């Protein structure tokens, strides 16, 4: 049986994040891993200010990272 389930939640942003910023999501997860002791909002702010990500993309990466990796 084949399913064509559409990706939902934060991961649905990953293709556009990779296309827009030219780096795989693992690159951003490595950065987040280095600051995993910070709060969600602080991690989002870091991606926005130091790496010029838009708020929605930064928030999606942080939400996914924290949910999946316990960051």
PDB file of N, CA and C in Angstrom:
ATOM      1  N   UNK A   1       0.842  -1.180   0.000  1.00  0.00           N
ATOM      2  CA  UNK A   1       0.000   0.000   0.000  1.00  0.00           C
ATOM      3  C   UNK A   1       0.887   1.244   0.000  1.00  0.00           C
ATOM      4  N   UNK A   2       0.613   2.165  -0.877  1.00  0.00           N
ATOM      5  CA  UNK A   2       1.373   3.412  -0.981  1.00  0.00           C
ATOM      6  C   UNK A   2       0.577   4.542  -0.362  1.00  0.00           C
ATOM      7  N   UNK A   3       1.270   5.332   0.434  1.00  0.00           N
ATOM      8  CA  UNK A   3       0.605   6.508   1.001  1.00  0.00           C
ATOM      9  C   UNK A   3       1.309   7.756   0.509  1.00  0.00           C
ATOM     10  N   UNK A   4       0.541   8.746   0.234  1.00  0.00           N
ATOM     11  CA  UNK A   4       1.082  10.034  -0.190  1.00  0.00           C
ATOM     12  C   UNK A   4       0.767  11.071   0.872  1.00  0.00           C
ATOM     13  N   UNK A   5       1.107  10.744   2.098  1.00  0.00           N
ATOM     14  CA  UNK A   5       0.822  11.642   3.220  1.00  0.00           C
ATOM     15  C   UNK A   5       1.658  12.913   3.082  1.00  0.00           C
ATOM     16  N   UNK A   6       0.993  14.011   3.230  1.00  0.00           N
ATOM     17  CA  UNK A   6       1.670  15.295   3.147  1.00  0.00           C
ATOM     18  C   UNK A   6       2.328  15.587   4.494  1.00  0.00           C
ATOM     19  N   UNK A   7       3.567  16.072   4.439  1.00  0.00           N
ATOM     20  CA  UNK A   7       4.279  16.429   5.654  1.00  0.00           C
ATOM     21  C   UNK A   7       3.578  17.606   6.313  1.00  0.00           C
ATOM     22  N   UNK A   8       3.394  17.484   7.620  1.00  0.00           N
ATOM     23  CA  UNK A   8       2.716  18.538   8.362  1.00  0.00           C
ATOM     24  C   UNK A   8       3.622  19.055   9.463  1.00  0.00           C
ATOM     25  N   UNK A   9       3.225  20.144  10.076  1.00  0.00           N
ATOM     26  CA  UNK A   9       3.965  20.709  11.197  1.00  0.00           C
ATOM     27  C   UNK A   9       5.246  21.376  10.752  1.00  0.00           C
ATOM     28  N   UNK A  10       6.174  21.557  11.692  1.00  0.00           N
ATOM     29  CA  UNK A  10       7.414  22.270  11.391  1.00  0.00           C
ATOM     30  C   UNK A  10       8.199  21.688  10.216  1.00  0.00           C
ATOM     31  N   UNK A  11       8.177  20.371  10.064  1.00  0.00           N
ATOM     32  CA  UNK A  11       8.941  19.735   8.982  1.00  0.00           C
ATOM     33  C   UNK A  11       8.446  20.143   7.600  1.00  0.00           C
ATOM     34  N   UNK A  12       7.220  20.619   7.511  1.00  0.00           N
ATOM     35  CA  UNK A  12       6.698  21.039   6.206  1.00  0.00           C
ATOM     36  C   UNK A  12       7.462  22.246   5.657  1.00  0.00           C
ATOM     37  N   UNK A  13       8.178  22.951   6.522  1.00  0.00           N
ATOM     38  CA  UNK A  13       8.967  24.105   6.101  1.00  0.00           C
ATOM     39  C   UNK A  13      10.346  23.721   5.565  1.00  0.00           C
ATOM     40  N   UNK A  14      10.795  22.497   5.834  1.00  0.00           N
ATOM     41  CA  UNK A  14      12.172  22.131   5.533  1.00  0.00           C
ATOM     42  C   UNK A  14      12.575  22.315   4.069  1.00  0.00           C
ATOM     43  N   UNK A  15      11.764  21.895   3.100  1.00  0.00           N
ATOM     44  CA  UNK A  15      12.183  22.096   1.705  1.00  0.00           C
ATOM     45  C   UNK A  15      12.419  23.576   1.361  1.00  0.00           C
ATOM     46  N   UNK A  16      11.539  24.451   1.826  1.00  0.00           N
ATOM     47  CA  UNK A  16      11.730  25.869   1.504  1.00  0.00           C
ATOM     48  C   UNK A  16      12.901  26.471   2.283  1.00  0.00           C
ATOM     49  N   UNK A  17      13.152  25.990   3.489  1.00  0.00           N
ATOM     50  CA  UNK A  17      14.306  26.461   4.263  1.00  0.00           C
ATOM     51  C   UNK A  17      15.589  26.086   3.528  1.00  0.00           C
ATOM     52  N   UNK A  18      15.674  24.836   3.098  1.00  0.00           N
ATOM     53  CA  UNK A  18      16.881  24.393   2.388  1.00  0.00           C
ATOM     54  C   UNK A  18      17.074  25.149   1.081  1.00  0.00           C
ATOM     55  N   UNK A  19      15.996  25.383   0.372  1.00  0.00           N
ATOM     56  CA  UNK A  19      16.080  26.115  -0.898  1.00  0.00           C
ATOM     57  C   UNK A  19      16.472  27.575  -0.668  1.00  0.00           C
ATOM     58  N   UNK A  20      15.833  28.226   0.284  1.00  0.00           N
ATOM     59  CA  UNK A  20      16.074  29.652   0.494  1.00  0.00           C
ATOM     60  C   UNK A  20      17.455  29.948   1.065  1.00  0.00           C
ATOM     61  N   UNK A  21      17.928  29.119   1.991  1.00  0.00           N
ATOM     62  CA  UNK A  21      19.188  29.430   2.671  1.00  0.00           C
ATOM     63  C   UNK A  21      20.367  28.597   2.185  1.00  0.00           C
ATOM     64  N   UNK A  22      20.110  27.629   1.304  1.00  0.00           N
ATOM     65  CA  UNK A  22      21.181  26.873   0.670  1.00  0.00           C
ATOM     66  C   UNK A  22      21.927  25.915   1.577  1.00  0.00           C
ATOM     67  N   UNK A  23      21.316  25.550   2.696  1.00  0.00           N
ATOM     68  CA  UNK A  23      21.952  24.616   3.616  1.00  0.00           C
ATOM     69  C   UNK A  23      20.921  23.580   4.060  1.00  0.00           C
ATOM     70  N   UNK A  24      21.378  22.339   4.290  1.00  0.00           N
ATOM     71  CA  UNK A  24      20.440  21.319   4.762  1.00  0.00           C
ATOM     72  C   UNK A  24      19.979  21.629   6.182  1.00  0.00           C
ATOM     73  N   UNK A  25      18.822  21.122   6.573  1.00  0.00           N
ATOM     74  CA  UNK A  25      18.323  21.398   7.918  1.00  0.00           C
ATOM     75  C   UNK A  25      19.278  20.888   8.985  1.00  0.00           C
ATOM     76  N   UNK A  26      20.043  19.856   8.687  1.00  0.00           N
ATOM     77  CA  UNK A  26      21.024  19.358   9.663  1.00  0.00           C
ATOM     78  C   UNK A  26      22.031  20.444  10.051  1.00  0.00           C
ATOM     79  N   UNK A  27      22.343  21.336   9.127  1.00  0.00           N
ATOM     80  CA  UNK A  27      23.239  22.460   9.435  1.00  0.00           C
ATOM     81  C   UNK A  27      22.652  23.297  10.567  1.00  0.00           C
ATOM     82  N   UNK A  28      21.372  23.591  10.461  1.00  0.00           N
ATOM     83  CA  UNK A  28      20.713  24.416  11.478  1.00  0.00           C
ATOM     84  C   UNK A  28      20.570  23.644  12.780  1.00  0.00           C
ATOM     85  N   UNK A  29      20.361  22.332  12.706  1.00  0.00           N
ATOM     86  CA  UNK A  29      20.260  21.524  13.922  1.00  0.00           C
ATOM     87  C   UNK A  29      21.599  21.468  14.657  1.00  0.00           C
ATOM     88  N   UNK A  30      22.696  21.496  13.909  1.00  0.00           N
ATOM     89  CA  UNK A  30      24.018  21.532  14.544  1.00  0.00           C
ATOM     90  C   UNK A  30      24.189  22.827  15.322  1.00  0.00           C
ATOM     91  N   UNK A  31      23.772  23.937  14.720  1.00  0.00           N
ATOM     92  CA  UNK A  31      23.841  25.232  15.404  1.00  0.00           C
ATOM     93  C   UNK A  31      22.967  25.204  16.656  1.00  0.00           C
ATOM     94  N   UNK A  32      21.763  24.674  16.528  1.00  0.00           N
ATOM     95  CA  UNK A  32      20.863  24.606  17.682  1.00  0.00           C
ATOM     96  C   UNK A  32      21.409  23.677  18.765  1.00  0.00           C
ATOM     97  N   UNK A  33      22.089  22.632  18.372  1.00  0.00           N
ATOM     98  CA  UNK A  33      22.693  21.723  19.344  1.00  0.00           C
ATOM     99  C   UNK A  33      23.736  22.409  20.200  1.00  0.00           C
ATOM    100  N   UNK A  34      24.428  23.379  19.608  1.00  0.00           N
ATOM    101  CA  UNK A  34      25.456  24.122  20.346  1.00  0.00           C
ATOM    102  C   UNK A  34      24.852  25.085  21.362  1.00  0.00           C
ATOM    103  N   UNK A  35      23.559  25.402  21.210  1.00  0.00           N
ATOM    104  CA  UNK A  35      22.888  26.326  22.137  1.00  0.00           C
ATOM    105  C   UNK A  35      21.636  25.668  22.730  1.00  0.00           C
ATOM    106  N   UNK A  36      21.695  24.351  22.909  1.00  0.00           N
ATOM    107  CA  UNK A  36      20.523  23.618  23.384  1.00  0.00           C
ATOM    108  C   UNK A  36      20.134  23.975  24.816  1.00  0.00           C
ATOM    109  N   UNK A  37      21.021  24.650  25.532  1.00  0.00           N
ATOM    110  CA  UNK A  37      20.702  25.067  26.894  1.00  0.00           C
ATOM    111  C   UNK A  37      19.847  26.336  26.929  1.00  0.00           C
ATOM    112  N   UNK A  38      19.669  26.984  25.778  1.00  0.00           N
ATOM    113  CA  UNK A  38      18.881  28.214  25.715  1.00  0.00           C
ATOM    114  C   UNK A  38      17.398  27.913  25.550  1.00  0.00           C
ATOM    115  N   UNK A  39      16.573  28.882  25.893  1.00  0.00           N
ATOM    116  CA  UNK A  39      15.126  28.764  25.747  1.00  0.00           C
ATOM    117  C   UNK A  39      14.740  28.841  24.270  1.00  0.00           C
ATOM    118  N   UNK A  40      13.534  28.358  23.977  1.00  0.00           N
ATOM    119  CA  UNK A  40      13.012  28.355  22.604  1.00  0.00           C
ATOM    120  C   UNK A  40      13.169  29.733  21.944  1.00  0.00           C
ATOM    121  N   UNK A  41      12.674  30.765  22.593  1.00  0.00           N
ATOM    122  CA  UNK A  41      12.728  32.115  22.027  1.00  0.00           C
ATOM    123  C   UNK A  41      14.139  32.606  21.792  1.00  0.00           C
ATOM    124  N   UNK A  42      15.043  32.215  22.666  1.00  0.00           N
ATOM    125  CA  UNK A  42      16.449  32.616  22.503  1.00  0.00           C
ATOM    126  C   UNK A  42      17.071  31.914  21.296  1.00  0.00           C
ATOM    127  N   UNK A  43      16.690  30.663  21.084  1.00  0.00           N
ATOM    128  CA  UNK A  43      17.203  29.936  19.921  1.00  0.00           C
ATOM    129  C   UNK A  43      16.653  30.535  18.626  1.00  0.00           C
ATOM    130  N   UNK A  44      15.386  30.885  18.626  1.00  0.00           N
ATOM    131  CA  UNK A  44      14.785  31.530  17.455  1.00  0.00           C
ATOM    132  C   UNK A  44      15.502  32.851  17.172  1.00  0.00           C
ATOM    133  N   UNK A  45      15.710  33.645  18.208  1.00  0.00           N
ATOM    134  CA  UNK A  45      16.379  34.941  18.052  1.00  0.00           C
ATOM    135  C   UNK A  45      17.788  34.776  17.486  1.00  0.00           C
ATOM    136  N   UNK A  46      18.493  33.762  17.920  1.00  0.00           N
ATOM    137  CA  UNK A  46      19.846  33.504  17.415  1.00  0.00           C
ATOM    138  C   UNK A  46      19.818  33.241  15.912  1.00  0.00           C
ATOM    139  N   UNK A  47      18.904  32.378  15.473  1.00  0.00           N
ATOM    140  CA  UNK A  47      18.826  32.074  14.044  1.00  0.00           C
ATOM    141  C   UNK A  47      18.447  33.310  13.232  1.00  0.00           C
ATOM    142  N   UNK A  48      17.585  34.129  13.794  1.00  0.00           N
ATOM    143  CA  UNK A  48      17.143  35.339  13.088  1.00  0.00           C
ATOM    144  C   UNK A  48      18.251  36.389  13.026  1.00  0.00           C
ATOM    145  N   UNK A  49      18.895  36.661  14.142  1.00  0.00           N
ATOM    146  CA  UNK A  49      19.863  37.759  14.185  1.00  0.00           C
ATOM    147  C   UNK A  49      21.236  37.381  13.639  1.00  0.00           C
ATOM    148  N   UNK A  50      21.698  36.180  13.953  1.00  0.00           N
ATOM    149  CA  UNK A  50      23.048  35.801  13.539  1.00  0.00           C
ATOM    150  C   UNK A  50      23.105  35.067  12.202  1.00  0.00           C
ATOM    151  N   UNK A  51      21.959  34.573  11.747  1.00  0.00           N
ATOM    152  CA  UNK A  51      21.962  33.794  10.508  1.00  0.00           C
ATOM    153  C   UNK A  51      20.924  34.264   9.493  1.00  0.00           C
ATOM    154  N   UNK A  52      20.212  35.335   9.818  1.00  0.00           N
ATOM    155  CA  UNK A  52      19.264  36.002   8.909  1.00  0.00           C
ATOM    156  C   UNK A  52      18.108  35.116   8.435  1.00  0.00           C
ATOM    157  N   UNK A  53      17.671  34.189   9.273  1.00  0.00           N
ATOM    158  CA  UNK A  53      16.493  33.400   8.934  1.00  0.00           C
ATOM    159  C   UNK A  53      15.248  34.207   9.273  1.00  0.00           C
ATOM    160  N   UNK A  54      14.199  33.982   8.514  1.00  0.00           N
ATOM    161  CA  UNK A  54      12.922  34.592   8.820  1.00  0.00           C
ATOM    162  C   UNK A  54      12.336  33.954  10.078  1.00  0.00           C
ATOM    163  N   UNK A  55      11.401  34.653  10.703  1.00  0.00           N
ATOM    164  CA  UNK A  55      10.837  34.164  11.966  1.00  0.00           C
ATOM    165  C   UNK A  55      10.167  32.798  11.821  1.00  0.00           C
ATOM    166  N   UNK A  56       9.346  32.624  10.798  1.00  0.00           N
ATOM    167  CA  UNK A  56       8.648  31.348  10.615  1.00  0.00           C
ATOM    168  C   UNK A  56       9.598  30.187  10.410  1.00  0.00           C
ATOM    169  N   UNK A  57      10.637  30.397   9.621  1.00  0.00           N
ATOM    170  CA  UNK A  57      11.610  29.339   9.382  1.00  0.00           C
ATOM    171  C   UNK A  57      12.398  29.026  10.641  1.00  0.00           C
ATOM    172  N   UNK A  58      12.834  30.065  11.347  1.00  0.00           N
ATOM    173  CA  UNK A  58      13.588  29.861  12.583  1.00  0.00           C
ATOM    174  C   UNK A  58      12.735  29.130  13.607  1.00  0.00           C
ATOM    175  N   UNK A  59      11.506  29.548  13.750  1.00  0.00           N
ATOM    176  CA  UNK A  59      10.608  28.925  14.723  1.00  0.00           C
ATOM    177  C   UNK A  59      10.336  27.467  14.374  1.00  0.00           C
ATOM    178  N   UNK A  60      10.161  27.165  13.105  1.00  0.00           N
ATOM    179  CA  UNK A  60       9.925  25.781  12.679  1.00  0.00           C
ATOM    180  C   UNK A  60      11.124  24.896  12.999  1.00  0.00           C
ATOM    181  N   UNK A  61      12.322  25.382  12.722  1.00  0.00           N
ATOM    182  CA  UNK A  61      13.528  24.609  13.020  1.00  0.00           C
ATOM    183  C   UNK A  61      13.665  24.346  14.515  1.00  0.00           C
ATOM    184  N   UNK A  62      13.461  25.384  15.311  1.00  0.00           N
ATOM    185  CA  UNK A  62      13.595  25.243  16.762  1.00  0.00           C
ATOM    186  C   UNK A  62      12.519  24.310  17.314  1.00  0.00           C
ATOM    187  N   UNK A  63      11.290  24.468  16.878  1.00  0.00           N
ATOM    188  CA  UNK A  63      10.204  23.617  17.367  1.00  0.00           C
ATOM    189  C   UNK A  63      10.481  22.149  17.057  1.00  0.00           C
ATOM    190  N   UNK A  64      10.913  21.873  15.842  1.00  0.00           N
ATOM    191  CA  UNK A  64      11.209  20.496  15.449  1.00  0.00           C
ATOM    192  C   UNK A  64      12.383  19.963  16.252  1.00  0.00           C
ATOM    193  N   UNK A  65      13.446  20.746  16.329  1.00  0.00           N
ATOM    194  CA  UNK A  65      14.661  20.333  17.054  1.00  0.00           C
ATOM    195  C   UNK A  65      14.326  19.985  18.502  1.00  0.00           C
ATOM    196  N   UNK A  66      13.586  20.861  19.153  1.00  0.00           N
ATOM    197  CA  UNK A  66      13.253  20.661  20.562  1.00  0.00           C
ATOM    198  C   UNK A  66      12.344  19.447  20.760  1.00  0.00           C
ATOM    199  N   UNK A  67      11.416  19.223  19.856  1.00  0.00           N
ATOM    200  CA  UNK A  67      10.496  18.099  19.964  1.00  0.00           C
ATOM    201  C   UNK A  67      11.176  16.772  19.674  1.00  0.00           C
ATOM    202  N   UNK A  68      12.030  16.741  18.669  1.00  0.00           N
ATOM    203  CA  UNK A  68      12.640  15.497  18.220  1.00  0.00           C
ATOM    204  C   UNK A  68      13.934  15.146  18.947  1.00  0.00           C
ATOM    205  N   UNK A  69      14.648  16.162  19.360  1.00  0.00           N
ATOM    206  CA  UNK A  69      15.983  15.905  19.906  1.00  0.00           C
ATOM    207  C   UNK A  69      16.129  16.311  21.365  1.00  0.00           C
ATOM    208  N   UNK A  70      15.050  16.778  21.928  1.00  0.00           N
ATOM    209  CA  UNK A  70      15.108  17.155  23.334  1.00  0.00           C
ATOM    210  C   UNK A  70      15.987  18.360  23.591  1.00  0.00           C
ATOM    211  N   UNK A  71      16.101  19.219  22.551  1.00  0.00           N
ATOM    212  CA  UNK A  71      16.990  20.373  22.653  1.00  0.00           C
ATOM    213  C   UNK A  71      16.465  21.485  23.498  1.00  0.00           C
TER     214      UNK A  71
END
